Amino acid sequence: MLTNALKSAFAWIGLRTLSVVLVILAAAGFSPLLSAAETVEIARLLFVHGQVEIHREAEVITAQRGNVLYVGDRVVTQENSTAQLRFNDQQLVAIRPKSAYEIVAHTFDPDNVSENTHSSHLLRGGLRAVTGLIGKSTPENVEFTTPVATMGIRGTDLRIVVIPVGQEDQYGGLPAGVYLLVNDGLVNIKTLVADEDVPAGGYKYAEDENSPPSDPPVDSNEVFGEPDEFVDDDEEESEESADENTNDSEENDDTDDGADDQEGIENDNDLEPVDPDGGSDSSTGGDPDGNNDPVVPPEQAGQDDAEDRGEEVAEPEPEPEP
């Protein structure tokens, strides 16, 4: 009995010690009880425009290109804002303005294909998804859910829009419900009462979870508009490199212009100064041509020219005396 009592006492002490350790770790910012899935990188933000946030438990993160995403993360876009993400199986998702998209589950192991799975939930707004390796190898393990219906993937490219009840005015007055447009492949839309396979080019609508899929009340262009084009990593890096090269080129042009200006100034300093009176040097008695010969009055210059030609030159008459 004494042995059992000692064991119980030590066990109690051990539990108390473990509790104290966990409290200390939590206060220091560590979370040893997080599951492995919550710490595994499954996707990254490929593109961010406008005001986009990542909601991670109680934390709200301002989204930036390159942010890592985990299971449980919710990507929220505001008005005139969009985001695109790429999963580790190369699945692409483009999130439209005024949307909330949550990653519910995602497991990808190339060596264990049968266990791969993806599930995400669109609470409101719109998205376009192009499935990756999971969708190609085990499409039955990929689904996109909404508050109204679930989309089972049998294809590769689809678009979804969710209009919540009471928020119709925020989405152009479109009727509440879920809208599905299949660009490629086959998608199964399922509510609580019915389901329907939708082929490529198909367009379906479900008003609520208790309504079967039906023909939409509005044209697809009013709901989806222009297709969401995905941004490629290489294109993004090329654009950034082009911008950097342009900036470098402009800086070099400015530097060259400055060097030319400086060179011009230095060359100007090598020039002889110009006399504002016509270029003559009165201090040396030189002529305007820069020679050192004395300047001859015009009348004397005419007599010298005549003598040079052998002509007789009349002597100038003396001026009368006053």
C-alpha atoms as a PDB file:
ATOM      1  CA  MET A   1       0.000   0.000   0.000  1.00  0.00           C
ATOM      2  CA  LEU A   2       2.882   2.303   0.770  1.00  0.00           C
ATOM      3  CA  THR A   3       4.326   1.639  -2.645  1.00  0.00           C
ATOM      4  CA  ASN A   4       1.043   2.519  -4.349  1.00  0.00           C
ATOM      5  CA  ALA A   5       0.782   5.705  -2.315  1.00  0.00           C
ATOM      6  CA  LEU A   6       4.286   6.737  -3.312  1.00  0.00           C
ATOM      7  CA  LYS A   7       3.521   6.036  -6.954  1.00  0.00           C
ATOM      8  CA  SER A   8       0.385   8.163  -6.770  1.00  0.00           C
ATOM      9  CA  ALA A   9       2.298  10.979  -5.096  1.00  0.00           C
ATOM     10  CA  PHE A  10       5.045  10.965  -7.708  1.00  0.00           C
ATOM     11  CA  ALA A  11       2.491  10.816 -10.492  1.00  0.00           C
ATOM     12  CA  TRP A  12       0.679  13.832  -9.015  1.00  0.00           C
ATOM     13  CA  ILE A  13       3.976  15.712  -8.703  1.00  0.00           C
ATOM     14  CA  GLY A  14       4.835  14.832 -12.319  1.00  0.00           C
ATOM     15  CA  LEU A  15       1.508  16.098 -13.628  1.00  0.00           C
ATOM     16  CA  ARG A  16       1.849  19.316 -11.650  1.00  0.00           C
ATOM     17  CA  THR A  17       5.357  19.813 -13.014  1.00  0.00           C
ATOM     18  CA  LEU A  18       4.197  19.163 -16.580  1.00  0.00           C
ATOM     19  CA  SER A  19       1.357  21.655 -16.154  1.00  0.00           C
ATOM     20  CA  VAL A  20       3.760  24.310 -14.897  1.00  0.00           C
ATOM     21  CA  VAL A  21       6.093  23.683 -17.846  1.00  0.00           C
ATOM     22  CA  LEU A  22       3.237  23.988 -20.356  1.00  0.00           C
ATOM     23  CA  VAL A  23       2.069  27.244 -18.781  1.00  0.00           C
ATOM     24  CA  ILE A  24       5.597  28.664 -18.972  1.00  0.00           C
ATOM     25  CA  LEU A  25       5.960  27.631 -22.617  1.00  0.00           C
ATOM     26  CA  ALA A  26       2.590  29.151 -23.504  1.00  0.00           C
ATOM     27  CA  ALA A  27       3.532  32.412 -21.787  1.00  0.00           C
ATOM     28  CA  ALA A  28       6.769  32.477 -23.779  1.00  0.00           C
ATOM     29  CA  GLY A  29       4.870  32.143 -27.051  1.00  0.00           C
ATOM     30  CA  PHE A  30       5.426  28.421 -27.650  1.00  0.00           C
ATOM     31  CA  SER A  31       2.569  26.083 -28.471  1.00  0.00           C
ATOM     32  CA  PRO A  32       3.750  22.469 -27.964  1.00  0.00           C
ATOM     33  CA  LEU A  33       0.238  21.094 -28.468  1.00  0.00           C
ATOM     34  CA  LEU A  34      -0.103  22.246 -32.082  1.00  0.00           C
ATOM     35  CA  SER A  35      -0.777  19.392 -34.464  1.00  0.00           C
ATOM     36  CA  ALA A  36       1.724  18.556 -37.185  1.00  0.00           C
ATOM     37  CA  ALA A  37      -0.708  19.644 -39.905  1.00  0.00           C
ATOM     38  CA  GLU A  38      -0.884  23.167 -38.480  1.00  0.00           C
ATOM     39  CA  THR A  39       2.878  23.616 -38.781  1.00  0.00           C
ATOM     40  CA  VAL A  40       3.367  22.193 -42.280  1.00  0.00           C
ATOM     41  CA  GLU A  41       3.564  24.656 -45.149  1.00  0.00           C
ATOM     42  CA  ILE A  42       0.941  23.710 -47.716  1.00  0.00           C
ATOM     43  CA  ALA A  43       0.627  26.829 -49.888  1.00  0.00           C
ATOM     44  CA  ARG A  44       2.020  30.273 -50.587  1.00  0.00           C
ATOM     45  CA  LEU A  45       0.454  33.501 -51.754  1.00  0.00           C
ATOM     46  CA  LEU A  46       1.391  33.948 -55.377  1.00  0.00           C
ATOM     47  CA  PHE A  47      -0.181  37.378 -55.881  1.00  0.00           C
ATOM     48  CA  VAL A  48      -1.785  40.018 -53.648  1.00  0.00           C
ATOM     49  CA  HIS A  49      -3.602  43.152 -54.756  1.00  0.00           C
ATOM     50  CA  GLY A  50      -5.284  45.655 -52.471  1.00  0.00           C
ATOM     51  CA  GLN A  51      -6.325  44.899 -48.899  1.00  0.00           C
ATOM     52  CA  VAL A  52      -5.965  41.193 -48.169  1.00  0.00           C
ATOM     53  CA  GLU A  53      -5.724  39.528 -44.751  1.00  0.00           C
ATOM     54  CA  ILE A  54      -4.793  36.105 -43.418  1.00  0.00           C
ATOM     55  CA  HIS A  55      -6.878  35.083 -40.404  1.00  0.00           C
ATOM     56  CA  ARG A  56      -4.942  32.520 -38.351  1.00  0.00           C
ATOM     57  CA  GLU A  57      -6.762  31.605 -35.134  1.00  0.00           C
ATOM     58  CA  ALA A  58      -6.900  34.898 -33.176  1.00  0.00           C
ATOM     59  CA  GLU A  59      -4.221  36.567 -35.326  1.00  0.00           C
ATOM     60  CA  VAL A  60      -4.901  38.807 -38.327  1.00  0.00           C
ATOM     61  CA  ILE A  61      -1.956  39.154 -40.736  1.00  0.00           C
ATOM     62  CA  THR A  62      -1.678  41.682 -43.535  1.00  0.00           C
ATOM     63  CA  ALA A  63      -1.124  39.479 -46.565  1.00  0.00           C
ATOM     64  CA  GLN A  64       1.909  39.897 -48.802  1.00  0.00           C
ATOM     65  CA  ARG A  65       3.200  38.011 -51.807  1.00  0.00           C
ATOM     66  CA  GLY A  66       5.136  34.964 -50.626  1.00  0.00           C
ATOM     67  CA  ASN A  67       3.274  34.494 -47.313  1.00  0.00           C
ATOM     68  CA  VAL A  68       3.135  30.851 -46.184  1.00  0.00           C
ATOM     69  CA  LEU A  69      -0.288  29.299 -45.599  1.00  0.00           C
ATOM     70  CA  TYR A  70      -1.289  26.435 -43.290  1.00  0.00           C
ATOM     71  CA  VAL A  71      -4.375  24.299 -42.712  1.00  0.00           C
ATOM     72  CA  GLY A  72      -6.977  26.415 -40.936  1.00  0.00           C
ATOM     73  CA  ASP A  73      -5.892  29.707 -42.492  1.00  0.00           C
ATOM     74  CA  ARG A  74      -8.591  31.952 -43.898  1.00  0.00           C
ATOM     75  CA  VAL A  75      -7.803  34.414 -46.707  1.00  0.00           C
ATOM     76  CA  VAL A  76     -10.095  37.448 -46.676  1.00  0.00           C
ATOM     77  CA  THR A  77     -10.194  40.030 -49.480  1.00  0.00           C
ATOM     78  CA  GLN A  78     -11.805  43.451 -49.231  1.00  0.00           C
ATOM     79  CA  GLU A  79     -13.458  45.465 -51.993  1.00  0.00           C
ATOM     80  CA  ASN A  80     -11.308  45.858 -55.145  1.00  0.00           C
ATOM     81  CA  SER A  81      -8.818  43.376 -53.682  1.00  0.00           C
ATOM     82  CA  THR A  82      -7.718  39.959 -54.968  1.00  0.00           C
ATOM     83  CA  ALA A  83      -5.304  37.178 -54.099  1.00  0.00           C
ATOM     84  CA  GLN A  84      -3.883  34.060 -55.704  1.00  0.00           C
ATOM     85  CA  LEU A  85      -2.279  31.072 -54.032  1.00  0.00           C
ATOM     86  CA  ARG A  86      -0.433  27.958 -55.133  1.00  0.00           C
ATOM     87  CA  PHE A  87      -0.542  24.712 -53.138  1.00  0.00           C
ATOM     88  CA  ASN A  88       2.338  22.280 -52.851  1.00  0.00           C
ATOM     89  CA  ASP A  89       0.611  19.942 -55.328  1.00  0.00           C
ATOM     90  CA  GLN A  90       0.495  22.873 -57.826  1.00  0.00           C
ATOM     91  CA  GLN A  91      -3.224  23.539 -57.341  1.00  0.00           C
ATOM     92  CA  LEU A  92      -4.059  27.197 -58.061  1.00  0.00           C
ATOM     93  CA  VAL A  93      -6.789  29.279 -56.441  1.00  0.00           C
ATOM     94  CA  ALA A  94      -7.696  32.852 -57.404  1.00  0.00           C
ATOM     95  CA  ILE A  95      -9.800  34.681 -54.809  1.00  0.00           C
ATOM     96  CA  ARG A  96     -12.042  37.514 -55.937  1.00  0.00           C
ATOM     97  CA  PRO A  97     -12.919  40.764 -54.093  1.00  0.00           C
ATOM     98  CA  LYS A  98     -15.095  40.675 -50.966  1.00  0.00           C
ATOM     99  CA  SER A  99     -14.393  36.990 -50.395  1.00  0.00           C
ATOM    100  CA  ALA A 100     -13.523  34.695 -47.505  1.00  0.00           C
ATOM    101  CA  TYR A 101     -11.763  31.424 -48.337  1.00  0.00           C
ATOM    102  CA  GLU A 102     -10.636  28.888 -45.731  1.00  0.00           C
ATOM    103  CA  ILE A 103      -8.284  25.904 -46.075  1.00  0.00           C
ATOM    104  CA  VAL A 104     -10.046  23.090 -44.212  1.00  0.00           C
ATOM    105  CA  ALA A 105      -7.721  20.164 -44.979  1.00  0.00           C
ATOM    106  CA  HIS A 106      -4.775  19.488 -47.259  1.00  0.00           C
ATOM    107  CA  THR A 107      -2.434  16.514 -47.315  1.00  0.00           C
ATOM    108  CA  PHE A 108      -0.002  15.856 -50.134  1.00  0.00           C
ATOM    109  CA  ASP A 109       2.554  13.052 -50.230  1.00  0.00           C
ATOM    110  CA  PRO A 110       3.803  11.973 -53.681  1.00  0.00           C
ATOM    111  CA  ASP A 111       4.771   8.584 -52.207  1.00  0.00           C
ATOM    112  CA  ASN A 112       1.338   7.938 -50.705  1.00  0.00           C
ATOM    113  CA  VAL A 113      -1.113   9.075 -53.360  1.00  0.00           C
ATOM    114  CA  SER A 114      -4.180   7.345 -51.968  1.00  0.00           C
ATOM    115  CA  GLU A 115      -3.999   9.366 -48.746  1.00  0.00           C
ATOM    116  CA  ASN A 116      -3.755  12.744 -50.454  1.00  0.00           C
ATOM    117  CA  THR A 117      -6.721  15.027 -49.846  1.00  0.00           C
ATOM    118  CA  HIS A 118      -7.868  18.625 -50.201  1.00  0.00           C
ATOM    119  CA  SER A 119     -10.893  20.431 -48.790  1.00  0.00           C
ATOM    120  CA  SER A 120     -11.523  24.168 -48.702  1.00  0.00           C
ATOM    121  CA  HIS A 121     -14.519  26.303 -47.855  1.00  0.00           C
ATOM    122  CA  LEU A 122     -15.774  29.451 -49.580  1.00  0.00           C
ATOM    123  CA  LEU A 123     -17.844  31.394 -47.063  1.00  0.00           C
ATOM    124  CA  ARG A 124     -18.641  34.313 -49.389  1.00  0.00           C
ATOM    125  CA  GLY A 125     -17.448  35.926 -52.603  1.00  0.00           C
ATOM    126  CA  GLY A 126     -15.876  34.076 -55.498  1.00  0.00           C
ATOM    127  CA  LEU A 127     -12.941  31.978 -56.614  1.00  0.00           C
ATOM    128  CA  ARG A 128     -11.467  30.141 -59.531  1.00  0.00           C
ATOM    129  CA  ALA A 129      -9.619  26.890 -58.887  1.00  0.00           C
ATOM    130  CA  VAL A 130      -7.417  24.780 -61.133  1.00  0.00           C
ATOM    131  CA  THR A 131      -6.753  21.467 -59.438  1.00  0.00           C
ATOM    132  CA  GLY A 132      -3.238  20.104 -59.072  1.00  0.00           C
ATOM    133  CA  LEU A 133      -1.686  16.683 -58.637  1.00  0.00           C
ATOM    134  CA  ILE A 134      -4.196  15.595 -55.990  1.00  0.00           C
ATOM    135  CA  GLY A 135      -7.074  16.392 -58.324  1.00  0.00           C
ATOM    136  CA  LYS A 136      -5.424  14.452 -61.132  1.00  0.00           C
ATOM    137  CA  SER A 137      -4.508  11.335 -59.136  1.00  0.00           C
ATOM    138  CA  THR A 138      -7.385  11.129 -56.638  1.00  0.00           C
ATOM    139  CA  PRO A 139     -10.103  13.585 -57.725  1.00  0.00           C
ATOM    140  CA  GLU A 140     -12.579  11.957 -55.358  1.00  0.00           C
ATOM    141  CA  ASN A 141     -10.491  13.348 -52.472  1.00  0.00           C
ATOM    142  CA  VAL A 142     -10.858  16.979 -53.563  1.00  0.00           C
ATOM    143  CA  GLU A 143     -13.834  19.121 -52.647  1.00  0.00           C
ATOM    144  CA  PHE A 144     -14.833  22.758 -52.387  1.00  0.00           C
ATOM    145  CA  THR A 145     -17.613  23.450 -49.923  1.00  0.00           C
ATOM    146  CA  THR A 146     -19.921  26.435 -49.468  1.00  0.00           C
ATOM    147  CA  PRO A 147     -22.719  27.182 -46.984  1.00  0.00           C
ATOM    148  CA  VAL A 148     -25.178  25.954 -49.639  1.00  0.00           C
ATOM    149  CA  ALA A 149     -23.542  23.141 -51.625  1.00  0.00           C
ATOM    150  CA  THR A 150     -20.449  20.995 -52.002  1.00  0.00           C
ATOM    151  CA  MET A 151     -18.498  20.744 -55.236  1.00  0.00           C
ATOM    152  CA  GLY A 152     -16.869  17.373 -55.835  1.00  0.00           C
ATOM    153  CA  ILE A 153     -14.063  17.574 -58.376  1.00  0.00           C
ATOM    154  CA  ARG A 154     -14.017  15.415 -61.466  1.00  0.00           C
ATOM    155  CA  GLY A 155     -12.211  18.010 -63.551  1.00  0.00           C
ATOM    156  CA  THR A 156      -9.534  20.608 -63.459  1.00  0.00           C
ATOM    157  CA  ASP A 157     -10.954  24.137 -63.776  1.00  0.00           C
ATOM    158  CA  LEU A 158     -14.003  25.615 -62.070  1.00  0.00           C
ATOM    159  CA  ARG A 159     -15.374  28.915 -60.774  1.00  0.00           C
ATOM    160  CA  ILE A 160     -17.633  29.426 -57.752  1.00  0.00           C
ATOM    161  CA  VAL A 161     -19.490  32.466 -56.423  1.00  0.00           C
ATOM    162  CA  VAL A 162     -21.334  32.539 -53.084  1.00  0.00           C
ATOM    163  CA  ILE A 163     -23.846  35.321 -52.342  1.00  0.00           C
ATOM    164  CA  PRO A 164     -24.866  35.184 -48.644  1.00  0.00           C
ATOM    165  CA  VAL A 165     -28.456  35.860 -47.691  1.00  0.00           C
ATOM    166  CA  GLY A 166     -28.873  39.474 -46.654  1.00  0.00           C
ATOM    167  CA  GLN A 167     -25.698  40.625 -48.474  1.00  0.00           C
ATOM    168  CA  GLU A 168     -27.103  40.768 -51.997  1.00  0.00           C
ATOM    169  CA  ASP A 169     -26.543  44.537 -52.241  1.00  0.00           C
ATOM    170  CA  GLN A 170     -22.800  44.052 -51.709  1.00  0.00           C
ATOM    171  CA  TYR A 171     -22.648  41.843 -54.810  1.00  0.00           C
ATOM    172  CA  GLY A 172     -24.534  43.919 -57.321  1.00  0.00           C
ATOM    173  CA  GLY A 173     -27.968  42.759 -56.241  1.00  0.00           C
ATOM    174  CA  LEU A 174     -27.429  39.168 -57.408  1.00  0.00           C
ATOM    175  CA  PRO A 175     -29.830  36.623 -55.879  1.00  0.00           C
ATOM    176  CA  ALA A 176     -28.424  34.810 -52.847  1.00  0.00           C
ATOM    177  CA  GLY A 177     -27.117  31.298 -53.376  1.00  0.00           C
ATOM    178  CA  VAL A 178     -24.153  29.501 -54.921  1.00  0.00           C
ATOM    179  CA  TYR A 179     -23.205  29.692 -58.607  1.00  0.00           C
ATOM    180  CA  LEU A 180     -20.986  27.145 -60.373  1.00  0.00           C
ATOM    181  CA  LEU A 181     -19.301  27.521 -63.763  1.00  0.00           C
ATOM    182  CA  VAL A 182     -17.169  24.637 -65.097  1.00  0.00           C
ATOM    183  CA  ASN A 183     -14.393  25.677 -67.476  1.00  0.00           C
ATOM    184  CA  ASP A 184     -12.888  22.227 -67.951  1.00  0.00           C
ATOM    185  CA  GLY A 185     -13.581  18.691 -66.767  1.00  0.00           C
ATOM    186  CA  LEU A 186     -16.552  17.567 -64.679  1.00  0.00           C
ATOM    187  CA  VAL A 187     -17.818  18.853 -61.316  1.00  0.00           C
ATOM    188  CA  ASN A 188     -20.515  17.360 -59.106  1.00  0.00           C
ATOM    189  CA  ILE A 189     -22.624  19.956 -57.246  1.00  0.00           C
ATOM    190  CA  LYS A 190     -24.440  18.521 -54.223  1.00  0.00           C
ATOM    191  CA  THR A 191     -26.967  19.952 -51.775  1.00  0.00           C
ATOM    192  CA  LEU A 192     -28.830  18.191 -48.963  1.00  0.00           C
ATOM    193  CA  VAL A 193     -31.582  17.080 -51.332  1.00  0.00           C
ATOM    194  CA  ALA A 194     -29.921  16.392 -54.697  1.00  0.00           C
ATOM    195  CA  ASP A 195     -26.733  16.403 -56.694  1.00  0.00           C
ATOM    196  CA  GLU A 196     -25.874  16.854 -60.370  1.00  0.00           C
ATOM    197  CA  ASP A 197     -22.821  16.361 -62.584  1.00  0.00           C
ATOM    198  CA  VAL A 198     -21.934  19.515 -64.484  1.00  0.00           C
ATOM    199  CA  PRO A 199     -19.724  19.094 -67.600  1.00  0.00           C
ATOM    200  CA  ALA A 200     -17.307  21.600 -69.128  1.00  0.00           C
ATOM    201  CA  GLY A 201     -19.173  24.747 -70.124  1.00  0.00           C
ATOM    202  CA  GLY A 202     -21.970  23.956 -67.671  1.00  0.00           C
ATOM    203  CA  TYR A 203     -23.474  26.608 -65.396  1.00  0.00           C
ATOM    204  CA  LYS A 204     -25.585  25.759 -62.318  1.00  0.00           C
ATOM    205  CA  TYR A 205     -27.140  27.436 -59.302  1.00  0.00           C
ATOM    206  CA  ALA A 206     -28.425  26.369 -55.888  1.00  0.00           C
ATOM    207  CA  GLU A 207     -30.532  28.799 -53.874  1.00  0.00           C
ATOM    208  CA  ASP A 208     -29.946  27.095 -50.523  1.00  0.00           C
ATOM    209  CA  GLU A 209     -28.933  23.738 -49.058  1.00  0.00           C
ATOM    210  CA  ASN A 210     -32.510  22.463 -49.234  1.00  0.00           C
ATOM    211  CA  SER A 211     -32.891  23.255 -52.934  1.00  0.00           C
ATOM    212  CA  PRO A 212     -31.703  21.056 -55.812  1.00  0.00           C
ATOM    213  CA  PRO A 213     -29.223  22.441 -58.348  1.00  0.00           C
ATOM    214  CA  SER A 214     -31.030  24.319 -61.111  1.00  0.00           C
ATOM    215  CA  ASP A 215     -30.566  26.750 -63.960  1.00  0.00           C
ATOM    216  CA  PRO A 216     -29.262  30.100 -62.675  1.00  0.00           C
ATOM    217  CA  PRO A 217     -31.598  33.115 -62.540  1.00  0.00           C
ATOM    218  CA  VAL A 218     -29.029  35.429 -64.187  1.00  0.00           C
ATOM    219  CA  ASP A 219     -26.503  35.203 -67.002  1.00  0.00           C
ATOM    220  CA  SER A 220     -23.062  33.873 -66.133  1.00  0.00           C
ATOM    221  CA  ASN A 221     -21.368  37.098 -67.319  1.00  0.00           C
ATOM    222  CA  GLU A 222     -23.267  39.049 -64.660  1.00  0.00           C
ATOM    223  CA  VAL A 223     -21.962  36.692 -61.989  1.00  0.00           C
ATOM    224  CA  PHE A 224     -18.412  35.878 -63.082  1.00  0.00           C
ATOM    225  CA  GLY A 225     -17.433  38.618 -65.542  1.00  0.00           C
ATOM    226  CA  GLU A 226     -14.025  38.233 -67.168  1.00  0.00           C
ATOM    227  CA  PRO A 227     -11.984  35.092 -66.391  1.00  0.00           C
ATOM    228  CA  ASP A 228      -9.482  35.320 -63.542  1.00  0.00           C
ATOM    229  CA  GLU A 229      -6.010  34.903 -65.057  1.00  0.00           C
ATOM    230  CA  PHE A 230      -3.324  33.364 -62.896  1.00  0.00           C
ATOM    231  CA  VAL A 231       0.030  35.068 -62.397  1.00  0.00           C
ATOM    232  CA  ASP A 232       3.057  32.852 -62.945  1.00  0.00           C
ATOM    233  CA  ASP A 233       6.068  33.053 -60.625  1.00  0.00           C
ATOM    234  CA  ASP A 234       8.444  33.450 -63.554  1.00  0.00           C
ATOM    235  CA  GLU A 235       6.336  36.231 -65.077  1.00  0.00           C
ATOM    236  CA  GLU A 236       6.247  38.086 -61.775  1.00  0.00           C
ATOM    237  CA  GLU A 237      10.024  37.792 -61.345  1.00  0.00           C
ATOM    238  CA  SER A 238      10.565  38.849 -64.970  1.00  0.00           C
ATOM    239  CA  GLU A 239       8.431  41.940 -64.453  1.00  0.00           C
ATOM    240  CA  GLU A 240      10.360  42.824 -61.302  1.00  0.00           C
ATOM    241  CA  SER A 241      13.676  42.310 -63.131  1.00  0.00           C
ATOM    242  CA  ALA A 242      12.474  44.440 -66.036  1.00  0.00           C
ATOM    243  CA  ASP A 243      11.495  47.213 -63.636  1.00  0.00           C
ATOM    244  CA  GLU A 244      14.897  47.014 -61.940  1.00  0.00           C
ATOM    245  CA  ASN A 245      16.685  47.107 -65.305  1.00  0.00           C
ATOM    246  CA  THR A 246      14.617  50.102 -66.382  1.00  0.00           C
ATOM    247  CA  ASN A 247      15.481  51.948 -63.192  1.00  0.00           C
ATOM    248  CA  ASP A 248      19.177  51.079 -63.596  1.00  0.00           C
ATOM    249  CA  SER A 249      19.090  52.264 -67.217  1.00  0.00           C
ATOM    250  CA  GLU A 250      17.494  55.560 -66.225  1.00  0.00           C
ATOM    251  CA  GLU A 251      20.105  56.054 -63.506  1.00  0.00           C
ATOM    252  CA  ASN A 252      22.894  55.308 -66.001  1.00  0.00           C
ATOM    253  CA  ASP A 253      21.381  57.765 -68.479  1.00  0.00           C
ATOM    254  CA  ASP A 254      21.304  60.425 -65.808  1.00  0.00           C
ATOM    255  CA  THR A 255      24.916  59.655 -64.911  1.00  0.00           C
ATOM    256  CA  ASP A 256      25.996  59.806 -68.571  1.00  0.00           C
ATOM    257  CA  ASP A 257      24.199  63.109 -69.072  1.00  0.00           C
ATOM    258  CA  GLY A 258      25.940  64.515 -66.033  1.00  0.00           C
ATOM    259  CA  ALA A 259      29.301  63.297 -67.322  1.00  0.00           C
ATOM    260  CA  ASP A 260      28.647  64.869 -70.724  1.00  0.00           C
ATOM    261  CA  ASP A 261      27.725  68.146 -69.098  1.00  0.00           C
ATOM    262  CA  GLN A 262      30.849  68.063 -66.965  1.00  0.00           C
ATOM    263  CA  GLU A 263      32.980  67.205 -69.996  1.00  0.00           C
ATOM    264  CA  GLY A 264      31.443  70.110 -71.877  1.00  0.00           C
ATOM    265  CA  ILE A 265      32.284  72.426 -69.010  1.00  0.00           C
ATOM    266  CA  GLU A 266      35.876  71.208 -68.961  1.00  0.00           C
ATOM    267  CA  ASN A 267      36.187  71.697 -72.742  1.00  0.00           C
ATOM    268  CA  ASP A 268      34.773  75.194 -72.452  1.00  0.00           C
ATOM    269  CA  ASN A 269      37.464  76.015 -69.935  1.00  0.00           C
ATOM    270  CA  ASP A 270      40.111  75.237 -72.587  1.00  0.00           C
ATOM    271  CA  LEU A 271      38.775  77.963 -74.921  1.00  0.00           C
ATOM    272  CA  GLU A 272      40.406  81.424 -75.111  1.00  0.00           C
ATOM    273  CA  PRO A 273      38.415  84.192 -73.470  1.00  0.00           C
ATOM    274  CA  VAL A 274      36.486  86.409 -75.866  1.00  0.00           C
ATOM    275  CA  ASP A 275      36.864  90.182 -75.732  1.00  0.00           C
ATOM    276  CA  PRO A 276      33.413  91.784 -75.653  1.00  0.00           C
ATOM    277  CA  ASP A 277      34.763  94.670 -77.798  1.00  0.00           C
ATOM    278  CA  GLY A 278      35.215  92.455 -80.840  1.00  0.00           C
ATOM    279  CA  GLY A 279      38.209  90.389 -79.935  1.00  0.00           C
ATOM    280  CA  SER A 280      40.933  93.101 -80.249  1.00  0.00           C
ATOM    281  CA  ASP A 281      43.627  93.334 -77.633  1.00  0.00           C
ATOM    282  CA  SER A 282      44.087  97.052 -76.930  1.00  0.00           C
ATOM    283  CA  SER A 283      46.941  96.419 -74.591  1.00  0.00           C
ATOM    284  CA  THR A 284      49.158  94.950 -77.329  1.00  0.00           C
ATOM    285  CA  GLY A 285      47.822  96.938 -80.259  1.00  0.00           C
ATOM    286  CA  GLY A 286      46.924  93.733 -82.116  1.00  0.00           C
ATOM    287  CA  ASP A 287      44.331  93.520 -84.880  1.00  0.00           C
ATOM    288  CA  PRO A 288      40.974  91.738 -84.590  1.00  0.00           C
ATOM    289  CA  ASP A 289      42.336  88.680 -86.408  1.00  0.00           C
ATOM    290  CA  GLY A 290      44.634  87.958 -83.530  1.00  0.00           C
ATOM    291  CA  ASN A 291      47.859  89.029 -85.364  1.00  0.00           C
ATOM    292  CA  ASN A 292      50.496  91.119 -83.615  1.00  0.00           C
ATOM    293  CA  ASP A 293      50.778  93.634 -86.493  1.00  0.00           C
ATOM    294  CA  PRO A 294      50.005  97.256 -85.566  1.00  0.00           C
ATOM    295  CA  VAL A 295      46.608  98.527 -86.500  1.00  0.00           C
ATOM    296  CA  VAL A 296      46.787 100.829 -89.573  1.00  0.00           C
ATOM    297  CA  PRO A 297      44.239 103.638 -90.112  1.00  0.00           C
ATOM    298  CA  PRO A 298      42.003 103.073 -93.151  1.00  0.00           C
ATOM    299  CA  GLU A 299      43.406 106.002 -95.199  1.00  0.00           C
ATOM    300  CA  GLN A 300      46.978 104.871 -94.627  1.00  0.00           C
ATOM    301  CA  ALA A 301      46.020 101.317 -95.542  1.00  0.00           C
ATOM    302  CA  GLY A 302      44.709 102.605 -98.910  1.00  0.00           C
ATOM    303  CA  GLN A 303      47.967 104.377 -99.717  1.00  0.00           C
ATOM    304  CA  ASP A 304      50.013 101.292 -98.874  1.00  0.00           C
ATOM    305  CA  ASP A 305      47.904  99.178-101.225  1.00  0.00           C
ATOM    306  CA  ALA A 306      48.402 101.672-104.060  1.00  0.00           C
ATOM    307  CA  GLU A 307      52.169 101.776-103.580  1.00  0.00           C
ATOM    308  CA  ASP A 308      52.268  98.006-103.644  1.00  0.00           C
ATOM    309  CA  ARG A 309      50.590  98.092-107.097  1.00  0.00           C
ATOM    310  CA  GLY A 310      53.149 100.677-108.431  1.00  0.00           C
ATOM    311  CA  GLU A 311      50.648 103.490-108.716  1.00  0.00           C
ATOM    312  CA  GLU A 312      51.463 107.107-108.019  1.00  0.00           C
ATOM    313  CA  VAL A 313      49.973 108.315-104.905  1.00  0.00           C
ATOM    314  CA  ALA A 314      49.098 111.981-104.523  1.00  0.00           C
ATOM    315  CA  GLU A 315      50.572 113.617-101.539  1.00  0.00           C
ATOM    316  CA  PRO A 316      47.938 114.773 -99.156  1.00  0.00           C
ATOM    317  CA  GLU A 317      47.390 118.502 -99.154  1.00  0.00           C
ATOM    318  CA  PRO A 318      48.539 120.235 -96.007  1.00  0.00           C
ATOM    319  CA  GLU A 319      45.789 121.511 -93.855  1.00  0.00           C
ATOM    320  CA  PRO A 320      45.481 125.319 -93.858  1.00  0.00           C
ATOM    321  CA  GLU A 321      46.846 127.044 -90.889  1.00  0.00           C
ATOM    322  CA  PRO A 322      44.287 128.762 -88.775  1.00  0.00           C
END
